[in-house]
Amino acid sequence: MNRLQANLCLLCVTLCWSAEVIIYACIPADAPAFATTCVTSLAGAALLIVPFRHRITKALREGGIRLVFAMLGLAALSAAYNTLYLFGMKSLDVASGAFTFSMTVVVLPVVLLSMHRRVAAETWLSVVLVLAGIVLALGASAMLAANAAAFGTLGVGCLLRAVLIVLLSDIVKKHDPIAVAVLLEGFAGFLSLAGWVFEDPRLFTGLQVSRTLVAAWAIYAYFIVGFATTLNVFAMRRVSAANATVIYALEIVFSLVWGALLPEGIVEKIALTPRIGLGAALVVAGALAEILDLGGKRKRGTV
């Protein structure tokens, strides 16, 4: 897999993740965020354990306790940012939530610099374009006091996600990606279970389980956790953390498409104003600058 192929895989991952807004709309508002993270993470990990158990066992033998503790830390970050995302999105419309959470692309270079790591000039160009698109699309709505808590929640989620992406990018280059995906989601599920017990000790008995809830969880576990997470860790072996984050920003565009085209009964409708359209176009331009390597300075082969 070369860099272009890895970016195309990340684009596929981003398309899958953008469907979260549709799935979230099907999950009842009274279902705890911890419950969704717990059930879908454990189910997604279980789907991978069965066919890849020997491969996972081998990776654990080679990585030892250091791999286990490293993945436990990453799982804590994953569970935290996913739960914050669920909490934050409950108070915002699809467009504002998606654009705000994509601020990860702006936070990540700062995280890299704090770790004394170099950020390529092409990546800074992409970040500037994406940031301009986010600011333009959000406009004054991001400053409304009524939504301050929601924006703050998503902001913390962006920071945690940025740290997770950097550390995950490091570890997938050293260990089997299947094992990394399973341990990441499995540990995230158990950590979310602890949060769920703290929030509502009744667990499943306190839920109003319906066919819609079960279907939403099943789709989320397979496509978002099982498929997208595994493809993501494979692709991240071939690209930098900054590169991956810029591609992730395209989730905004896909989310806007779903919100504009799908019926209101499936997802909250979005009015595509010129401001939002131009903001999305700038995000696409930033992603293309990263995918196509317009400067031609990066290695063309496998990285």
C-alpha atoms as a PDB file:
ATOM      1  CA  MET A   1       0.000   0.000   0.000  1.00  0.00           C
ATOM      2  CA  ASN A   2       1.491   3.362  -1.030  1.00  0.00           C
ATOM      3  CA  ARG A   3       0.615   6.792   0.300  1.00  0.00           C
ATOM      4  CA  LEU A   4      -2.122   7.536  -2.249  1.00  0.00           C
ATOM      5  CA  GLN A   5      -3.797   4.188  -1.605  1.00  0.00           C
ATOM      6  CA  ALA A   6      -3.597   4.792   2.134  1.00  0.00           C
ATOM      7  CA  ASN A   7      -5.261   8.192   1.692  1.00  0.00           C
ATOM      8  CA  LEU A   8      -8.041   6.591  -0.351  1.00  0.00           C
ATOM      9  CA  CYS A   9      -8.559   4.074   2.463  1.00  0.00           C
ATOM     10  CA  LEU A  10      -8.747   6.944   4.946  1.00  0.00           C
ATOM     11  CA  LEU A  11     -11.300   8.603   2.679  1.00  0.00           C
ATOM     12  CA  CYS A  12     -13.408   5.430   2.855  1.00  0.00           C
ATOM     13  CA  VAL A  13     -13.040   5.425   6.635  1.00  0.00           C
ATOM     14  CA  THR A  14     -14.172   9.040   6.783  1.00  0.00           C
ATOM     15  CA  LEU A  15     -17.220   8.213   4.665  1.00  0.00           C
ATOM     16  CA  CYS A  16     -18.175   5.481   7.133  1.00  0.00           C
ATOM     17  CA  TRP A  17     -17.660   7.770  10.118  1.00  0.00           C
ATOM     18  CA  SER A  18     -19.822  10.452   8.543  1.00  0.00           C
ATOM     19  CA  ALA A  19     -22.765   8.055   8.740  1.00  0.00           C
ATOM     20  CA  GLU A  20     -22.606   8.405  12.528  1.00  0.00           C
ATOM     21  CA  VAL A  21     -24.976  11.368  12.334  1.00  0.00           C
ATOM     22  CA  ILE A  22     -27.598   9.086  10.776  1.00  0.00           C
ATOM     23  CA  ILE A  23     -27.068   6.299  13.300  1.00  0.00           C
ATOM     24  CA  TYR A  24     -27.128   8.709  16.255  1.00  0.00           C
ATOM     25  CA  ALA A  25     -30.502   9.993  15.082  1.00  0.00           C
ATOM     26  CA  CYS A  26     -31.886   6.451  15.445  1.00  0.00           C
ATOM     27  CA  ILE A  27     -30.614   6.003  19.014  1.00  0.00           C
ATOM     28  CA  PRO A  28     -33.188   7.132  21.613  1.00  0.00           C
ATOM     29  CA  ALA A  29     -32.222  10.266  23.511  1.00  0.00           C
ATOM     30  CA  ASP A  30     -32.560   8.453  26.858  1.00  0.00           C
ATOM     31  CA  ALA A  31     -29.931   5.827  25.912  1.00  0.00           C
ATOM     32  CA  PRO A  32     -26.755   6.679  27.892  1.00  0.00           C
ATOM     33  CA  ALA A  33     -23.732   7.697  25.795  1.00  0.00           C
ATOM     34  CA  PHE A  34     -21.635   5.242  27.813  1.00  0.00           C
ATOM     35  CA  ALA A  35     -24.025   2.437  26.847  1.00  0.00           C
ATOM     36  CA  THR A  36     -23.623   3.115  23.130  1.00  0.00           C
ATOM     37  CA  THR A  37     -19.826   3.284  23.365  1.00  0.00           C
ATOM     38  CA  CYS A  38     -19.674   0.143  25.521  1.00  0.00           C
ATOM     39  CA  VAL A  39     -21.946  -2.100  23.470  1.00  0.00           C
ATOM     40  CA  THR A  40     -20.683  -1.081  20.038  1.00  0.00           C
ATOM     41  CA  SER A  41     -16.999  -1.215  21.007  1.00  0.00           C
ATOM     42  CA  LEU A  42     -17.237  -4.677  22.563  1.00  0.00           C
ATOM     43  CA  ALA A  43     -19.362  -6.016  19.707  1.00  0.00           C
ATOM     44  CA  GLY A  44     -16.967  -4.612  17.093  1.00  0.00           C
ATOM     45  CA  ALA A  45     -13.967  -6.130  18.876  1.00  0.00           C
ATOM     46  CA  ALA A  46     -15.728  -9.496  19.142  1.00  0.00           C
ATOM     47  CA  LEU A  47     -16.322  -9.534  15.377  1.00  0.00           C
ATOM     48  CA  LEU A  48     -12.547  -9.351  14.851  1.00  0.00           C
ATOM     49  CA  ILE A  49     -11.465 -11.704  17.617  1.00  0.00           C
ATOM     50  CA  VAL A  50     -13.159 -14.778  16.152  1.00  0.00           C
ATOM     51  CA  PRO A  51     -11.452 -14.848  12.709  1.00  0.00           C
ATOM     52  CA  PHE A  52      -8.135 -13.315  13.819  1.00  0.00           C
ATOM     53  CA  ARG A  53      -7.604 -14.893  17.271  1.00  0.00           C
ATOM     54  CA  HIS A  54      -4.303 -16.563  16.327  1.00  0.00           C
ATOM     55  CA  ARG A  55      -2.928 -13.364  14.831  1.00  0.00           C
ATOM     56  CA  ILE A  56      -3.959 -11.396  17.914  1.00  0.00           C
ATOM     57  CA  THR A  57      -2.385 -13.964  20.249  1.00  0.00           C
ATOM     58  CA  LYS A  58       0.897 -13.770  18.333  1.00  0.00           C
ATOM     59  CA  ALA A  59       0.933  -9.979  18.545  1.00  0.00           C
ATOM     60  CA  LEU A  60       0.309 -10.094  22.292  1.00  0.00           C
ATOM     61  CA  ARG A  61       3.177 -12.532  22.774  1.00  0.00           C
ATOM     62  CA  GLU A  62       5.519 -10.266  20.820  1.00  0.00           C
ATOM     63  CA  GLY A  63       4.327  -6.979  22.327  1.00  0.00           C
ATOM     64  CA  GLY A  64       3.949  -8.254  25.872  1.00  0.00           C
ATOM     65  CA  ILE A  65       2.640  -6.222  28.773  1.00  0.00           C
ATOM     66  CA  ARG A  66       3.930  -2.968  27.257  1.00  0.00           C
ATOM     67  CA  LEU A  67       1.547  -3.343  24.314  1.00  0.00           C
ATOM     68  CA  VAL A  68      -1.353  -4.106  26.651  1.00  0.00           C
ATOM     69  CA  PHE A  69      -0.744  -1.017  28.800  1.00  0.00           C
ATOM     70  CA  ALA A  70      -0.180   1.177  25.739  1.00  0.00           C
ATOM     71  CA  MET A  71      -3.491   0.063  24.239  1.00  0.00           C
ATOM     72  CA  LEU A  72      -5.250   0.534  27.565  1.00  0.00           C
ATOM     73  CA  GLY A  73      -4.131   4.161  27.568  1.00  0.00           C
ATOM     74  CA  LEU A  74      -5.247   4.681  23.972  1.00  0.00           C
ATOM     75  CA  ALA A  75      -8.576   3.010  24.760  1.00  0.00           C
ATOM     76  CA  ALA A  76      -9.131   5.468  27.614  1.00  0.00           C
ATOM     77  CA  LEU A  77      -8.599   8.351  25.182  1.00  0.00           C
ATOM     78  CA  SER A  78     -10.887   6.709  22.604  1.00  0.00           C
ATOM     79  CA  ALA A  79     -13.696   6.060  25.085  1.00  0.00           C
ATOM     80  CA  ALA A  80     -13.402   9.596  26.481  1.00  0.00           C
ATOM     81  CA  TYR A  81     -13.505  11.432  23.156  1.00  0.00           C
ATOM     82  CA  ASN A  82     -16.332   9.261  21.777  1.00  0.00           C
ATOM     83  CA  THR A  83     -18.426   9.870  24.882  1.00  0.00           C
ATOM     84  CA  LEU A  84     -17.713  13.617  24.790  1.00  0.00           C
ATOM     85  CA  TYR A  85     -18.729  13.633  21.119  1.00  0.00           C
ATOM     86  CA  LEU A  86     -22.045  11.979  21.965  1.00  0.00           C
ATOM     87  CA  PHE A  87     -22.704  14.444  24.790  1.00  0.00           C
ATOM     88  CA  GLY A  88     -21.751  17.485  22.702  1.00  0.00           C
ATOM     89  CA  MET A  89     -23.786  16.511  19.652  1.00  0.00           C
ATOM     90  CA  LYS A  90     -26.991  16.277  21.678  1.00  0.00           C
ATOM     91  CA  SER A  91     -27.144  20.074  21.948  1.00  0.00           C
ATOM     92  CA  LEU A  92     -26.026  21.055  18.425  1.00  0.00           C
ATOM     93  CA  ASP A  93     -27.310  20.734  14.909  1.00  0.00           C
ATOM     94  CA  VAL A  94     -25.474  18.405  12.529  1.00  0.00           C
ATOM     95  CA  ALA A  95     -23.585  21.155  10.670  1.00  0.00           C
ATOM     96  CA  SER A  96     -22.323  23.002  13.764  1.00  0.00           C
ATOM     97  CA  GLY A  97     -21.348  19.780  15.532  1.00  0.00           C
ATOM     98  CA  ALA A  98     -19.513  18.316  12.543  1.00  0.00           C
ATOM     99  CA  PHE A  99     -17.587  21.507  11.778  1.00  0.00           C
ATOM    100  CA  THR A 100     -16.641  22.012  15.433  1.00  0.00           C
ATOM    101  CA  PHE A 101     -15.392  18.455  15.941  1.00  0.00           C
ATOM    102  CA  SER A 102     -13.236  18.778  12.835  1.00  0.00           C
ATOM    103  CA  MET A 103     -11.205  21.367  14.720  1.00  0.00           C
ATOM    104  CA  THR A 104      -9.061  18.327  15.536  1.00  0.00           C
ATOM    105  CA  VAL A 105      -7.175  19.105  12.328  1.00  0.00           C
ATOM    106  CA  VAL A 106      -6.157  22.444  13.829  1.00  0.00           C
ATOM    107  CA  VAL A 107      -5.337  21.092  17.286  1.00  0.00           C
ATOM    108  CA  LEU A 108      -3.190  18.195  16.059  1.00  0.00           C
ATOM    109  CA  PRO A 109      -0.238  20.233  14.664  1.00  0.00           C
ATOM    110  CA  VAL A 110      -0.039  22.012  18.014  1.00  0.00           C
ATOM    111  CA  VAL A 111       0.069  18.624  19.753  1.00  0.00           C
ATOM    112  CA  LEU A 112       2.843  17.530  17.384  1.00  0.00           C
ATOM    113  CA  LEU A 113       4.864  20.671  18.049  1.00  0.00           C
ATOM    114  CA  SER A 114       4.469  20.158  21.813  1.00  0.00           C
ATOM    115  CA  MET A 115       6.048  16.718  21.268  1.00  0.00           C
ATOM    116  CA  HIS A 116       8.915  18.375  19.328  1.00  0.00           C
ATOM    117  CA  ARG A 117       7.845  16.822  16.031  1.00  0.00           C
ATOM    118  CA  ARG A 118       8.050  18.419  12.605  1.00  0.00           C
ATOM    119  CA  VAL A 119       4.931  19.386  10.661  1.00  0.00           C
ATOM    120  CA  ALA A 120       5.328  19.591   6.863  1.00  0.00           C
ATOM    121  CA  ALA A 121       4.638  22.885   5.080  1.00  0.00           C
ATOM    122  CA  GLU A 122       1.994  21.174   2.915  1.00  0.00           C
ATOM    123  CA  THR A 123       0.175  20.086   6.069  1.00  0.00           C
ATOM    124  CA  TRP A 124       0.164  23.655   7.414  1.00  0.00           C
ATOM    125  CA  LEU A 125      -1.394  24.793   4.135  1.00  0.00           C
ATOM    126  CA  SER A 126      -4.093  22.142   4.504  1.00  0.00           C
ATOM    127  CA  VAL A 127      -4.719  23.157   8.119  1.00  0.00           C
ATOM    128  CA  VAL A 128      -5.140  26.828   7.180  1.00  0.00           C
ATOM    129  CA  LEU A 129      -7.649  25.970   4.431  1.00  0.00           C
ATOM    130  CA  VAL A 130      -9.634  23.628   6.688  1.00  0.00           C
ATOM    131  CA  LEU A 131      -9.645  26.136   9.559  1.00  0.00           C
ATOM    132  CA  ALA A 132     -10.890  28.873   7.224  1.00  0.00           C
ATOM    133  CA  GLY A 133     -13.690  26.572   6.094  1.00  0.00           C
ATOM    134  CA  ILE A 134     -14.693  25.719   9.669  1.00  0.00           C
ATOM    135  CA  VAL A 135     -14.729  29.355  10.822  1.00  0.00           C
ATOM    136  CA  LEU A 136     -16.697  30.445   7.757  1.00  0.00           C
ATOM    137  CA  ALA A 137     -19.290  27.693   8.162  1.00  0.00           C
ATOM    138  CA  LEU A 138     -19.805  28.195  11.885  1.00  0.00           C
ATOM    139  CA  GLY A 139     -19.955  31.977  11.737  1.00  0.00           C
ATOM    140  CA  ALA A 140     -21.370  33.671  14.798  1.00  0.00           C
ATOM    141  CA  SER A 141     -23.257  30.556  15.922  1.00  0.00           C
ATOM    142  CA  ALA A 142     -20.104  29.237  17.595  1.00  0.00           C
ATOM    143  CA  MET A 143     -20.121  32.229  19.935  1.00  0.00           C
ATOM    144  CA  LEU A 144     -23.650  31.757  21.243  1.00  0.00           C
ATOM    145  CA  ALA A 145     -23.602  31.476  25.018  1.00  0.00           C
ATOM    146  CA  ALA A 146     -26.455  28.986  24.908  1.00  0.00           C
ATOM    147  CA  ASN A 147     -24.194  26.443  23.190  1.00  0.00           C
ATOM    148  CA  ALA A 148     -20.996  27.239  25.080  1.00  0.00           C
ATOM    149  CA  ALA A 149     -21.087  23.987  27.062  1.00  0.00           C
ATOM    150  CA  ALA A 150     -21.602  21.880  23.936  1.00  0.00           C
ATOM    151  CA  PHE A 151     -18.788  23.619  22.038  1.00  0.00           C
ATOM    152  CA  GLY A 152     -16.520  23.296  25.064  1.00  0.00           C
ATOM    153  CA  THR A 153     -17.294  19.579  25.319  1.00  0.00           C
ATOM    154  CA  LEU A 154     -16.461  19.035  21.660  1.00  0.00           C
ATOM    155  CA  GLY A 155     -13.326  21.152  22.058  1.00  0.00           C
ATOM    156  CA  VAL A 156     -12.005  18.868  24.798  1.00  0.00           C
ATOM    157  CA  GLY A 157     -12.966  15.919  22.606  1.00  0.00           C
ATOM    158  CA  CYS A 158     -10.903  17.399  19.755  1.00  0.00           C
ATOM    159  CA  LEU A 159      -7.836  17.642  21.982  1.00  0.00           C
ATOM    160  CA  LEU A 160      -8.174  14.064  23.206  1.00  0.00           C
ATOM    161  CA  ARG A 161      -8.752  12.834  19.661  1.00  0.00           C
ATOM    162  CA  ALA A 162      -5.628  14.641  18.429  1.00  0.00           C
ATOM    163  CA  VAL A 163      -3.466  13.032  21.107  1.00  0.00           C
ATOM    164  CA  LEU A 164      -5.021   9.645  20.310  1.00  0.00           C
ATOM    165  CA  ILE A 165      -4.285   9.988  16.586  1.00  0.00           C
ATOM    166  CA  VAL A 166      -0.621  10.844  17.199  1.00  0.00           C
ATOM    167  CA  LEU A 167      -0.061   7.960  19.622  1.00  0.00           C
ATOM    168  CA  LEU A 168      -2.058   5.503  17.505  1.00  0.00           C
ATOM    169  CA  SER A 169      -0.037   6.458  14.436  1.00  0.00           C
ATOM    170  CA  ASP A 170       3.123   5.544  16.355  1.00  0.00           C
ATOM    171  CA  ILE A 171       1.919   2.207  17.664  1.00  0.00           C
ATOM    172  CA  VAL A 172       0.381   0.831  14.447  1.00  0.00           C
ATOM    173  CA  LYS A 173       3.765   1.171  12.755  1.00  0.00           C
ATOM    174  CA  LYS A 174       5.256  -1.220  15.311  1.00  0.00           C
ATOM    175  CA  HIS A 175       2.509  -3.785  15.962  1.00  0.00           C
ATOM    176  CA  ASP A 176      -0.066  -5.864  14.084  1.00  0.00           C
ATOM    177  CA  PRO A 177      -2.947  -3.550  13.051  1.00  0.00           C
ATOM    178  CA  ILE A 178      -5.625  -6.184  13.714  1.00  0.00           C
ATOM    179  CA  ALA A 179      -4.385  -6.656  17.272  1.00  0.00           C
ATOM    180  CA  VAL A 180      -4.230  -2.891  17.753  1.00  0.00           C
ATOM    181  CA  ALA A 181      -7.827  -2.476  16.543  1.00  0.00           C
ATOM    182  CA  VAL A 182      -9.162  -5.278  18.761  1.00  0.00           C
ATOM    183  CA  LEU A 183      -7.345  -4.133  21.892  1.00  0.00           C
ATOM    184  CA  LEU A 184      -8.308  -0.503  21.286  1.00  0.00           C
ATOM    185  CA  GLU A 185     -12.018  -1.209  20.916  1.00  0.00           C
ATOM    186  CA  GLY A 186     -12.137  -3.978  23.513  1.00  0.00           C
ATOM    187  CA  PHE A 187     -10.538  -1.888  26.239  1.00  0.00           C
ATOM    188  CA  ALA A 188     -12.643   1.141  25.227  1.00  0.00           C
ATOM    189  CA  GLY A 189     -15.751  -1.000  25.661  1.00  0.00           C
ATOM    190  CA  PHE A 190     -14.795  -2.146  29.157  1.00  0.00           C
ATOM    191  CA  LEU A 191     -13.838   1.375  30.243  1.00  0.00           C
ATOM    192  CA  SER A 192     -17.181   2.665  28.959  1.00  0.00           C
ATOM    193  CA  LEU A 193     -18.881  -0.132  30.886  1.00  0.00           C
ATOM    194  CA  ALA A 194     -17.401   1.299  34.069  1.00  0.00           C
ATOM    195  CA  GLY A 195     -18.808   4.717  33.168  1.00  0.00           C
ATOM    196  CA  TRP A 196     -22.176   3.168  32.377  1.00  0.00           C
ATOM    197  CA  VAL A 197     -22.277   1.390  35.758  1.00  0.00           C
ATOM    198  CA  PHE A 198     -21.471   4.679  37.496  1.00  0.00           C
ATOM    199  CA  GLU A 199     -24.184   6.526  35.541  1.00  0.00           C
ATOM    200  CA  ASP A 200     -26.873   3.848  35.833  1.00  0.00           C
ATOM    201  CA  PRO A 201     -26.052   0.629  37.744  1.00  0.00           C
ATOM    202  CA  ARG A 202     -29.151  -1.047  36.251  1.00  0.00           C
ATOM    203  CA  LEU A 203     -27.343  -1.290  32.879  1.00  0.00           C
ATOM    204  CA  PHE A 204     -29.545  -3.131  30.342  1.00  0.00           C
ATOM    205  CA  THR A 205     -32.467  -3.409  32.747  1.00  0.00           C
ATOM    206  CA  GLY A 206     -32.615   0.387  32.809  1.00  0.00           C
ATOM    207  CA  LEU A 207     -32.843   0.642  29.031  1.00  0.00           C
ATOM    208  CA  GLN A 208     -35.937   0.656  26.889  1.00  0.00           C
ATOM    209  CA  VAL A 209     -34.612  -1.774  24.309  1.00  0.00           C
ATOM    210  CA  SER A 210     -36.271  -1.568  20.908  1.00  0.00           C
ATOM    211  CA  ARG A 211     -35.612  -3.020  17.477  1.00  0.00           C
ATOM    212  CA  THR A 212     -34.480   0.423  16.336  1.00  0.00           C
ATOM    213  CA  LEU A 213     -31.909   0.684  19.134  1.00  0.00           C
ATOM    214  CA  VAL A 214     -30.581  -2.828  18.514  1.00  0.00           C
ATOM    215  CA  ALA A 215     -30.350  -2.208  14.759  1.00  0.00           C
ATOM    216  CA  ALA A 216     -28.546   1.123  15.271  1.00  0.00           C
ATOM    217  CA  TRP A 217     -26.052  -0.472  17.653  1.00  0.00           C
ATOM    218  CA  ALA A 218     -25.485  -3.432  15.307  1.00  0.00           C
ATOM    219  CA  ILE A 219     -24.811  -1.189  12.285  1.00  0.00           C
ATOM    220  CA  TYR A 220     -22.540   1.049  14.344  1.00  0.00           C
ATOM    221  CA  ALA A 221     -20.589  -1.926  15.718  1.00  0.00           C
ATOM    222  CA  TYR A 222     -20.013  -3.430  12.269  1.00  0.00           C
ATOM    223  CA  PHE A 223     -19.394  -0.432  10.018  1.00  0.00           C
ATOM    224  CA  ILE A 224     -18.043   2.220  12.379  1.00  0.00           C
ATOM    225  CA  VAL A 225     -16.134   0.062  14.867  1.00  0.00           C
ATOM    226  CA  GLY A 226     -15.325  -3.210  13.111  1.00  0.00           C
ATOM    227  CA  PHE A 227     -14.792  -2.183   9.492  1.00  0.00           C
ATOM    228  CA  ALA A 228     -13.795   1.488   9.661  1.00  0.00           C
ATOM    229  CA  THR A 229     -11.473   1.169  12.671  1.00  0.00           C
ATOM    230  CA  THR A 230      -9.600  -1.784  11.146  1.00  0.00           C
ATOM    231  CA  LEU A 231      -9.203  -0.086   7.773  1.00  0.00           C
ATOM    232  CA  ASN A 232      -8.087   3.063   9.567  1.00  0.00           C
ATOM    233  CA  VAL A 233      -5.229   1.397  11.474  1.00  0.00           C
ATOM    234  CA  PHE A 234      -4.016  -0.337   8.316  1.00  0.00           C
ATOM    235  CA  ALA A 235      -3.946   2.982   6.438  1.00  0.00           C
ATOM    236  CA  MET A 236      -2.266   4.831   9.311  1.00  0.00           C
ATOM    237  CA  ARG A 237       0.765   2.584   8.938  1.00  0.00           C
ATOM    238  CA  ARG A 238       1.505   4.380   5.646  1.00  0.00           C
ATOM    239  CA  VAL A 239       0.778   8.022   6.472  1.00  0.00           C
ATOM    240  CA  SER A 240       1.586  10.551   9.171  1.00  0.00           C
ATOM    241  CA  ALA A 241      -0.820  11.512  11.948  1.00  0.00           C
ATOM    242  CA  ALA A 242      -1.213  15.014  10.458  1.00  0.00           C
ATOM    243  CA  ASN A 243      -1.943  13.562   7.020  1.00  0.00           C
ATOM    244  CA  ALA A 244      -4.659  11.294   8.427  1.00  0.00           C
ATOM    245  CA  THR A 245      -6.292  14.102  10.398  1.00  0.00           C
ATOM    246  CA  VAL A 246      -6.623  16.341   7.348  1.00  0.00           C
ATOM    247  CA  ILE A 247      -8.431  13.521   5.514  1.00  0.00           C
ATOM    248  CA  TYR A 248     -10.700  13.012   8.521  1.00  0.00           C
ATOM    249  CA  ALA A 249     -11.824  16.627   8.168  1.00  0.00           C
ATOM    250  CA  LEU A 250     -13.746  15.581   5.043  1.00  0.00           C
ATOM    251  CA  GLU A 251     -16.253  13.985   7.388  1.00  0.00           C
ATOM    252  CA  ILE A 252     -17.809  17.452   7.484  1.00  0.00           C
ATOM    253  CA  VAL A 253     -18.588  17.331   3.766  1.00  0.00           C
ATOM    254  CA  PHE A 254     -20.110  13.860   3.878  1.00  0.00           C
ATOM    255  CA  SER A 255     -22.203  14.762   6.926  1.00  0.00           C
ATOM    256  CA  LEU A 256     -23.552  17.834   5.145  1.00  0.00           C
ATOM    257  CA  VAL A 257     -24.486  15.709   2.118  1.00  0.00           C
ATOM    258  CA  TRP A 258     -26.406  13.264   4.324  1.00  0.00           C
ATOM    259  CA  GLY A 259     -28.162  16.117   6.115  1.00  0.00           C
ATOM    260  CA  ALA A 260     -29.137  17.821   2.864  1.00  0.00           C
ATOM    261  CA  LEU A 261     -30.269  14.804   0.843  1.00  0.00           C
ATOM    262  CA  LEU A 262     -31.748  12.279   3.270  1.00  0.00           C
ATOM    263  CA  PRO A 263     -35.374  12.552   4.500  1.00  0.00           C
ATOM    264  CA  GLU A 264     -35.984  14.439   7.725  1.00  0.00           C
ATOM    265  CA  GLY A 265     -37.281  11.277   9.369  1.00  0.00           C
ATOM    266  CA  ILE A 266     -33.815   9.718   9.073  1.00  0.00           C
ATOM    267  CA  VAL A 267     -31.549  12.629   9.935  1.00  0.00           C
ATOM    268  CA  GLU A 268     -31.859  16.283  10.907  1.00  0.00           C
ATOM    269  CA  LYS A 269     -32.190  18.339   7.727  1.00  0.00           C
ATOM    270  CA  ILE A 270     -29.487  20.873   6.872  1.00  0.00           C
ATOM    271  CA  ALA A 271     -30.084  24.005   4.833  1.00  0.00           C
ATOM    272  CA  LEU A 272     -27.052  24.343   2.572  1.00  0.00           C
ATOM    273  CA  THR A 273     -26.442  28.087   2.695  1.00  0.00           C
ATOM    274  CA  PRO A 274     -23.707  29.714   0.585  1.00  0.00           C
ATOM    275  CA  ARG A 275     -21.670  30.196   3.755  1.00  0.00           C
ATOM    276  CA  ILE A 276     -21.775  26.492   4.624  1.00  0.00           C
ATOM    277  CA  GLY A 277     -21.148  25.503   1.007  1.00  0.00           C
ATOM    278  CA  LEU A 278     -18.057  27.712   0.737  1.00  0.00           C
ATOM    279  CA  GLY A 279     -16.796  26.453   4.097  1.00  0.00           C
ATOM    280  CA  ALA A 280     -17.128  22.853   2.910  1.00  0.00           C
ATOM    281  CA  ALA A 281     -15.322  23.736  -0.335  1.00  0.00           C
ATOM    282  CA  LEU A 282     -12.356  25.101   1.628  1.00  0.00           C
ATOM    283  CA  VAL A 283     -12.236  21.888   3.669  1.00  0.00           C
ATOM    284  CA  VAL A 284     -12.158  19.854   0.449  1.00  0.00           C
ATOM    285  CA  ALA A 285      -9.365  22.072  -0.905  1.00  0.00           C
ATOM    286  CA  GLY A 286      -7.345  21.503   2.261  1.00  0.00           C
ATOM    287  CA  ALA A 287      -7.785  17.739   2.021  1.00  0.00           C
ATOM    288  CA  LEU A 288      -6.840  17.688  -1.670  1.00  0.00           C
ATOM    289  CA  ALA A 289      -3.659  19.622  -0.924  1.00  0.00           C
ATOM    290  CA  GLU A 290      -2.710  16.815   1.465  1.00  0.00           C
ATOM    291  CA  ILE A 291      -3.847  13.874  -0.681  1.00  0.00           C
ATOM    292  CA  LEU A 292      -2.359  15.020  -3.987  1.00  0.00           C
ATOM    293  CA  ASP A 293       0.936  16.319  -2.567  1.00  0.00           C
ATOM    294  CA  LEU A 294       0.900  19.395  -4.792  1.00  0.00           C
ATOM    295  CA  GLY A 295       4.451  20.302  -3.838  1.00  0.00           C
ATOM    296  CA  GLY A 296       5.703  16.961  -5.122  1.00  0.00           C
ATOM    297  CA  LYS A 297       8.238  16.733  -2.281  1.00  0.00           C
ATOM    298  CA  ARG A 298       7.006  13.577  -0.613  1.00  0.00           C
ATOM    299  CA  LYS A 299       7.997  10.087  -1.408  1.00  0.00           C
ATOM    300  CA  ARG A 300       5.810   8.572  -4.102  1.00  0.00           C
ATOM    301  CA  GLY A 301       6.236   4.966  -3.155  1.00  0.00           C
ATOM    302  CA  THR A 302       5.392   3.087  -0.003  1.00  0.00           C
ATOM    303  CA  VAL A 303       6.010   5.117   3.138  1.00  0.00           C
END
